[in-house]
N, C-alpha and C. Protein backbone atom coordinates (compact mmCIF):
# COMPACT_ATOMS: atom_id res chain seq x y z
N UNK A 1 23.00 30.38 29.52
CA UNK A 1 22.61 29.02 29.25
C UNK A 1 23.04 28.14 30.41
N UNK A 2 22.10 27.45 31.07
CA UNK A 2 22.46 26.63 32.21
C UNK A 2 23.26 25.41 31.78
N UNK A 3 24.19 25.05 32.62
CA UNK A 3 25.01 23.89 32.32
C UNK A 3 24.34 22.63 32.83
N UNK A 4 24.42 21.63 32.05
CA UNK A 4 23.89 20.33 32.48
C UNK A 4 24.97 19.61 33.26
N UNK A 5 24.62 18.62 34.10
CA UNK A 5 25.63 17.89 34.85
C UNK A 5 26.66 17.24 33.94
N UNK A 6 26.22 16.80 32.77
CA UNK A 6 27.14 16.17 31.83
C UNK A 6 28.20 17.17 31.36
N UNK A 7 27.77 18.40 31.11
CA UNK A 7 28.72 19.42 30.65
C UNK A 7 29.67 19.80 31.76
N UNK A 8 29.20 19.83 33.02
CA UNK A 8 30.08 20.16 34.13
C UNK A 8 31.16 19.11 34.29
N UNK A 9 30.81 17.87 34.10
CA UNK A 9 31.78 16.80 34.26
C UNK A 9 32.87 16.89 33.19
N UNK A 10 32.52 17.34 32.01
CA UNK A 10 33.46 17.35 30.91
C UNK A 10 34.16 18.70 30.72
N UNK A 11 33.83 19.70 31.53
CA UNK A 11 34.32 21.04 31.23
C UNK A 11 35.83 21.17 31.36
N UNK A 12 36.50 20.39 32.19
CA UNK A 12 37.93 20.53 32.34
C UNK A 12 38.73 19.68 31.39
N UNK A 13 38.08 18.94 30.56
CA UNK A 13 38.78 18.02 29.68
C UNK A 13 39.26 18.72 28.42
N UNK A 14 40.38 18.27 27.93
CA UNK A 14 40.88 18.84 26.67
C UNK A 14 40.21 18.14 25.51
N UNK A 15 40.32 18.74 24.34
CA UNK A 15 39.71 18.16 23.14
C UNK A 15 40.40 16.88 22.71
N UNK A 16 41.62 16.66 23.16
CA UNK A 16 42.36 15.47 22.72
C UNK A 16 41.79 14.19 23.32
N UNK A 17 40.98 14.29 24.37
CA UNK A 17 40.42 13.09 24.98
C UNK A 17 39.03 12.77 24.47
N UNK A 18 38.50 13.59 23.57
CA UNK A 18 37.15 13.32 23.09
C UNK A 18 37.17 12.05 22.23
N UNK A 19 36.12 11.28 22.40
CA UNK A 19 36.01 10.02 21.67
C UNK A 19 34.87 10.15 20.69
N UNK A 20 35.22 10.28 19.43
CA UNK A 20 34.20 10.38 18.40
C UNK A 20 34.67 9.57 17.21
N UNK A 21 34.14 8.38 17.12
CA UNK A 21 34.52 7.50 16.03
C UNK A 21 33.28 7.23 15.20
N UNK A 22 33.37 7.56 13.93
CA UNK A 22 32.23 7.35 13.06
C UNK A 22 32.74 6.89 11.71
N UNK A 23 32.11 5.87 11.18
CA UNK A 23 32.53 5.38 9.88
C UNK A 23 31.79 6.15 8.78
N UNK A 24 32.36 6.09 7.59
CA UNK A 24 31.75 6.81 6.47
C UNK A 24 30.54 6.03 5.95
N UNK A 25 29.74 6.70 5.16
CA UNK A 25 28.56 6.06 4.58
C UNK A 25 28.98 4.96 3.60
N UNK A 26 30.10 5.17 2.91
CA UNK A 26 30.58 4.17 1.96
C UNK A 26 31.00 2.89 2.69
N UNK A 27 31.67 3.05 3.83
CA UNK A 27 32.09 1.88 4.60
C UNK A 27 30.88 1.13 5.14
N UNK A 28 29.91 1.88 5.64
CA UNK A 28 28.67 1.27 6.13
C UNK A 28 27.95 0.53 5.00
N UNK A 29 27.84 1.16 3.86
CA UNK A 29 27.19 0.52 2.71
C UNK A 29 27.91 -0.73 2.25
N UNK A 30 29.23 -0.67 2.25
CA UNK A 30 30.01 -1.83 1.85
C UNK A 30 29.81 -2.98 2.84
N UNK A 31 29.76 -2.68 4.12
CA UNK A 31 29.56 -3.72 5.13
C UNK A 31 28.18 -4.36 4.98
N UNK A 32 27.16 -3.55 4.75
CA UNK A 32 25.80 -4.07 4.58
C UNK A 32 25.71 -4.91 3.31
N UNK A 33 26.29 -4.41 2.23
CA UNK A 33 26.26 -5.16 0.96
C UNK A 33 27.02 -6.48 1.08
N UNK A 34 28.16 -6.44 1.74
CA UNK A 34 28.94 -7.66 1.92
C UNK A 34 28.18 -8.69 2.74
N UNK A 35 27.52 -8.23 3.78
CA UNK A 35 26.71 -9.14 4.60
C UNK A 35 25.57 -9.72 3.76
N UNK A 36 24.90 -8.89 2.99
CA UNK A 36 23.79 -9.37 2.15
C UNK A 36 24.25 -10.38 1.11
N UNK A 37 25.39 -10.12 0.47
CA UNK A 37 25.91 -11.04 -0.53
C UNK A 37 26.28 -12.38 0.12
N UNK A 38 26.94 -12.32 1.27
CA UNK A 38 27.34 -13.55 1.96
C UNK A 38 26.12 -14.36 2.39
N UNK A 39 25.13 -13.71 2.96
CA UNK A 39 23.93 -14.44 3.39
C UNK A 39 23.18 -15.00 2.19
N UNK A 40 23.10 -14.24 1.11
CA UNK A 40 22.44 -14.72 -0.10
C UNK A 40 23.16 -15.92 -0.69
N UNK A 41 24.49 -15.87 -0.73
CA UNK A 41 25.26 -16.99 -1.28
C UNK A 41 25.08 -18.25 -0.44
N UNK A 42 25.10 -18.10 0.88
CA UNK A 42 24.91 -19.27 1.74
C UNK A 42 23.49 -19.81 1.59
N UNK A 43 22.49 -18.92 1.55
CA UNK A 43 21.11 -19.38 1.38
C UNK A 43 20.93 -20.09 0.04
N UNK A 44 21.51 -19.56 -1.02
CA UNK A 44 21.43 -20.20 -2.33
C UNK A 44 22.14 -21.56 -2.32
N UNK A 45 23.28 -21.60 -1.68
CA UNK A 45 24.02 -22.86 -1.58
C UNK A 45 23.26 -23.92 -0.81
N UNK A 46 22.64 -23.53 0.30
CA UNK A 46 21.86 -24.48 1.09
C UNK A 46 20.63 -24.93 0.31
N UNK A 47 19.99 -23.99 -0.38
CA UNK A 47 18.78 -24.32 -1.15
C UNK A 47 19.09 -25.29 -2.29
N UNK A 48 20.20 -25.08 -2.96
CA UNK A 48 20.51 -25.93 -4.11
C UNK A 48 21.32 -27.17 -3.74
N UNK A 49 21.53 -27.38 -2.47
CA UNK A 49 22.28 -28.54 -2.01
C UNK A 49 21.50 -29.82 -2.31
N UNK A 50 22.20 -30.82 -2.82
CA UNK A 50 21.56 -32.10 -3.13
C UNK A 50 21.52 -32.96 -1.86
N UNK A 51 20.57 -32.62 -0.99
CA UNK A 51 20.44 -33.35 0.28
C UNK A 51 18.98 -33.29 0.71
N UNK A 52 18.65 -34.08 1.73
CA UNK A 52 17.28 -34.09 2.26
C UNK A 52 16.94 -32.73 2.87
N UNK A 53 15.65 -32.53 3.05
CA UNK A 53 15.16 -31.27 3.62
C UNK A 53 15.64 -31.03 5.03
N UNK A 54 15.74 -32.08 5.83
CA UNK A 54 16.17 -31.88 7.21
C UNK A 54 17.65 -31.49 7.27
N UNK A 55 18.45 -31.94 6.35
CA UNK A 55 19.86 -31.55 6.31
C UNK A 55 19.98 -30.07 5.94
N UNK A 56 19.21 -29.65 4.93
CA UNK A 56 19.23 -28.23 4.56
C UNK A 56 18.69 -27.36 5.69
N UNK A 57 17.64 -27.82 6.37
CA UNK A 57 17.11 -27.08 7.51
C UNK A 57 18.11 -26.96 8.64
N UNK A 58 18.82 -28.07 8.92
CA UNK A 58 19.84 -28.04 9.96
C UNK A 58 20.95 -27.06 9.62
N UNK A 59 21.39 -27.06 8.37
CA UNK A 59 22.43 -26.11 7.95
C UNK A 59 21.94 -24.67 8.02
N UNK A 60 20.70 -24.45 7.62
CA UNK A 60 20.14 -23.09 7.68
C UNK A 60 20.07 -22.58 9.12
N UNK A 61 19.61 -23.42 10.03
CA UNK A 61 19.53 -23.02 11.43
C UNK A 61 20.93 -22.79 11.99
N UNK A 62 21.88 -23.62 11.59
CA UNK A 62 23.27 -23.43 12.02
C UNK A 62 23.83 -22.10 11.55
N UNK A 63 23.55 -21.74 10.31
CA UNK A 63 24.02 -20.45 9.77
C UNK A 63 23.36 -19.29 10.51
N UNK A 64 22.06 -19.38 10.76
CA UNK A 64 21.38 -18.30 11.50
C UNK A 64 21.93 -18.16 12.91
N UNK A 65 22.22 -19.28 13.56
CA UNK A 65 22.80 -19.24 14.91
C UNK A 65 24.19 -18.61 14.86
N UNK A 66 24.96 -18.95 13.85
CA UNK A 66 26.30 -18.38 13.70
C UNK A 66 26.22 -16.87 13.49
N UNK A 67 25.30 -16.42 12.68
CA UNK A 67 25.16 -14.99 12.41
C UNK A 67 24.73 -14.23 13.66
N UNK A 68 23.74 -14.74 14.39
CA UNK A 68 23.30 -14.04 15.60
C UNK A 68 24.38 -14.04 16.67
N UNK A 69 25.14 -15.12 16.79
CA UNK A 69 26.22 -15.12 17.79
C UNK A 69 27.35 -14.18 17.37
N UNK A 70 27.60 -14.03 16.07
CA UNK A 70 28.62 -13.08 15.61
C UNK A 70 28.19 -11.64 15.91
N UNK A 71 26.91 -11.32 15.69
CA UNK A 71 26.42 -9.99 16.05
C UNK A 71 26.55 -9.74 17.55
N UNK A 72 26.21 -10.73 18.35
CA UNK A 72 26.31 -10.58 19.80
C UNK A 72 27.76 -10.37 20.22
N UNK A 73 28.66 -11.14 19.66
CA UNK A 73 30.08 -10.99 19.98
C UNK A 73 30.58 -9.60 19.60
N UNK A 74 30.22 -9.12 18.43
CA UNK A 74 30.64 -7.79 18.00
C UNK A 74 30.10 -6.72 18.95
N UNK A 75 28.87 -6.86 19.40
CA UNK A 75 28.29 -5.89 20.33
C UNK A 75 28.99 -5.91 21.68
N UNK A 76 29.30 -7.10 22.18
CA UNK A 76 29.99 -7.21 23.47
C UNK A 76 31.38 -6.59 23.39
N UNK A 77 32.09 -6.84 22.30
CA UNK A 77 33.42 -6.26 22.14
C UNK A 77 33.33 -4.74 22.05
N UNK A 78 32.35 -4.24 21.31
CA UNK A 78 32.18 -2.78 21.20
C UNK A 78 31.84 -2.16 22.55
N UNK A 79 30.93 -2.79 23.29
CA UNK A 79 30.55 -2.26 24.60
C UNK A 79 31.73 -2.24 25.56
N UNK A 80 32.55 -3.28 25.53
CA UNK A 80 33.73 -3.33 26.42
C UNK A 80 34.71 -2.24 26.04
N UNK A 81 34.90 -2.01 24.75
CA UNK A 81 35.81 -0.96 24.29
C UNK A 81 35.29 0.41 24.70
N UNK A 82 34.00 0.66 24.52
CA UNK A 82 33.43 1.95 24.91
C UNK A 82 33.52 2.18 26.41
N UNK A 83 33.31 1.13 27.21
CA UNK A 83 33.42 1.27 28.66
C UNK A 83 34.85 1.63 29.05
N UNK A 84 35.82 1.03 28.39
CA UNK A 84 37.21 1.36 28.67
C UNK A 84 37.54 2.79 28.31
N UNK A 85 36.97 3.30 27.22
CA UNK A 85 37.22 4.68 26.82
C UNK A 85 36.57 5.65 27.80
N UNK A 86 35.40 5.30 28.31
CA UNK A 86 34.72 6.18 29.27
C UNK A 86 35.52 6.26 30.56
N UNK A 87 36.01 5.12 31.04
CA UNK A 87 36.82 5.11 32.26
C UNK A 87 38.08 5.94 32.05
N UNK A 88 38.69 5.82 30.90
CA UNK A 88 39.89 6.59 30.59
C UNK A 88 39.58 8.09 30.57
N UNK A 89 38.44 8.46 30.01
CA UNK A 89 38.06 9.88 29.97
C UNK A 89 37.80 10.42 31.37
N UNK A 90 37.16 9.63 32.23
CA UNK A 90 36.89 10.08 33.60
C UNK A 90 38.20 10.24 34.36
N UNK A 91 39.11 9.28 34.21
CA UNK A 91 40.41 9.39 34.86
C UNK A 91 41.18 10.62 34.38
N UNK A 92 41.12 10.89 33.08
CA UNK A 92 41.79 12.07 32.53
C UNK A 92 41.18 13.35 33.09
N UNK A 93 39.86 13.39 33.22
CA UNK A 93 39.19 14.58 33.76
C UNK A 93 39.59 14.79 35.23
N UNK A 94 39.67 13.72 35.99
CA UNK A 94 40.10 13.84 37.40
C UNK A 94 41.53 14.36 37.48
N UNK A 95 42.41 13.84 36.66
CA UNK A 95 43.80 14.29 36.67
C UNK A 95 43.89 15.76 36.29
N UNK A 96 43.15 16.18 35.27
CA UNK A 96 43.18 17.59 34.87
C UNK A 96 42.63 18.49 35.96
N UNK A 97 41.63 18.03 36.70
CA UNK A 97 41.08 18.82 37.81
C UNK A 97 42.10 18.96 38.92
N UNK A 98 42.77 17.88 39.26
CA UNK A 98 43.79 17.93 40.31
C UNK A 98 44.92 18.86 39.90
N UNK A 99 45.36 18.75 38.64
CA UNK A 99 46.45 19.62 38.18
C UNK A 99 46.03 21.08 38.14
N UNK A 100 44.78 21.35 37.79
CA UNK A 100 44.30 22.73 37.74
C UNK A 100 44.20 23.34 39.13
N UNK A 101 43.86 22.52 40.13
CA UNK A 101 43.71 23.03 41.50
C UNK A 101 45.03 23.09 42.25
N UNK A 102 46.07 22.46 41.73
CA UNK A 102 47.35 22.41 42.41
C UNK A 102 48.08 23.75 42.27
N UNK A 103 48.56 24.26 43.41
CA UNK A 103 49.35 25.48 43.41
C UNK A 103 50.77 25.12 43.81
N UNK A 104 51.71 25.16 42.88
CA UNK A 104 53.07 24.73 43.22
C UNK A 104 53.78 25.70 44.16
N UNK A 105 53.28 26.92 44.30
CA UNK A 105 53.93 27.92 45.16
C UNK A 105 53.30 27.98 46.55
N UNK A 106 52.37 27.12 46.84
CA UNK A 106 51.71 27.09 48.14
C UNK A 106 52.68 26.56 49.18
N UNK A 107 52.74 27.23 50.33
CA UNK A 107 53.62 26.79 51.41
C UNK A 107 52.93 25.68 52.19
N UNK A 108 53.70 24.69 52.52
CA UNK A 108 53.15 23.56 53.26
C UNK A 108 53.08 23.83 54.70
């Protein structure tokens, strides 16, 4: 079986540096349900608010902007964390390669 470049890069790494984080289906479902309940409650609150239509519209747009910016912030934080983990894995692979190639009994 031919090795892909990705496999060659990772071949010297130990299993302790693997990054595999996955949430359970229950946690994912709870997060989706919580988001749905929160958005529904805010929408119901804005709809039943005793105010003019433009005030309710302004609040609705504000809530939508807040939600989209929260999603963007979460994505940026996740991407930064993943980039840091990748750099750490590459550094660990380089160190393991250097240690594997080092011969302590070699005469200088």
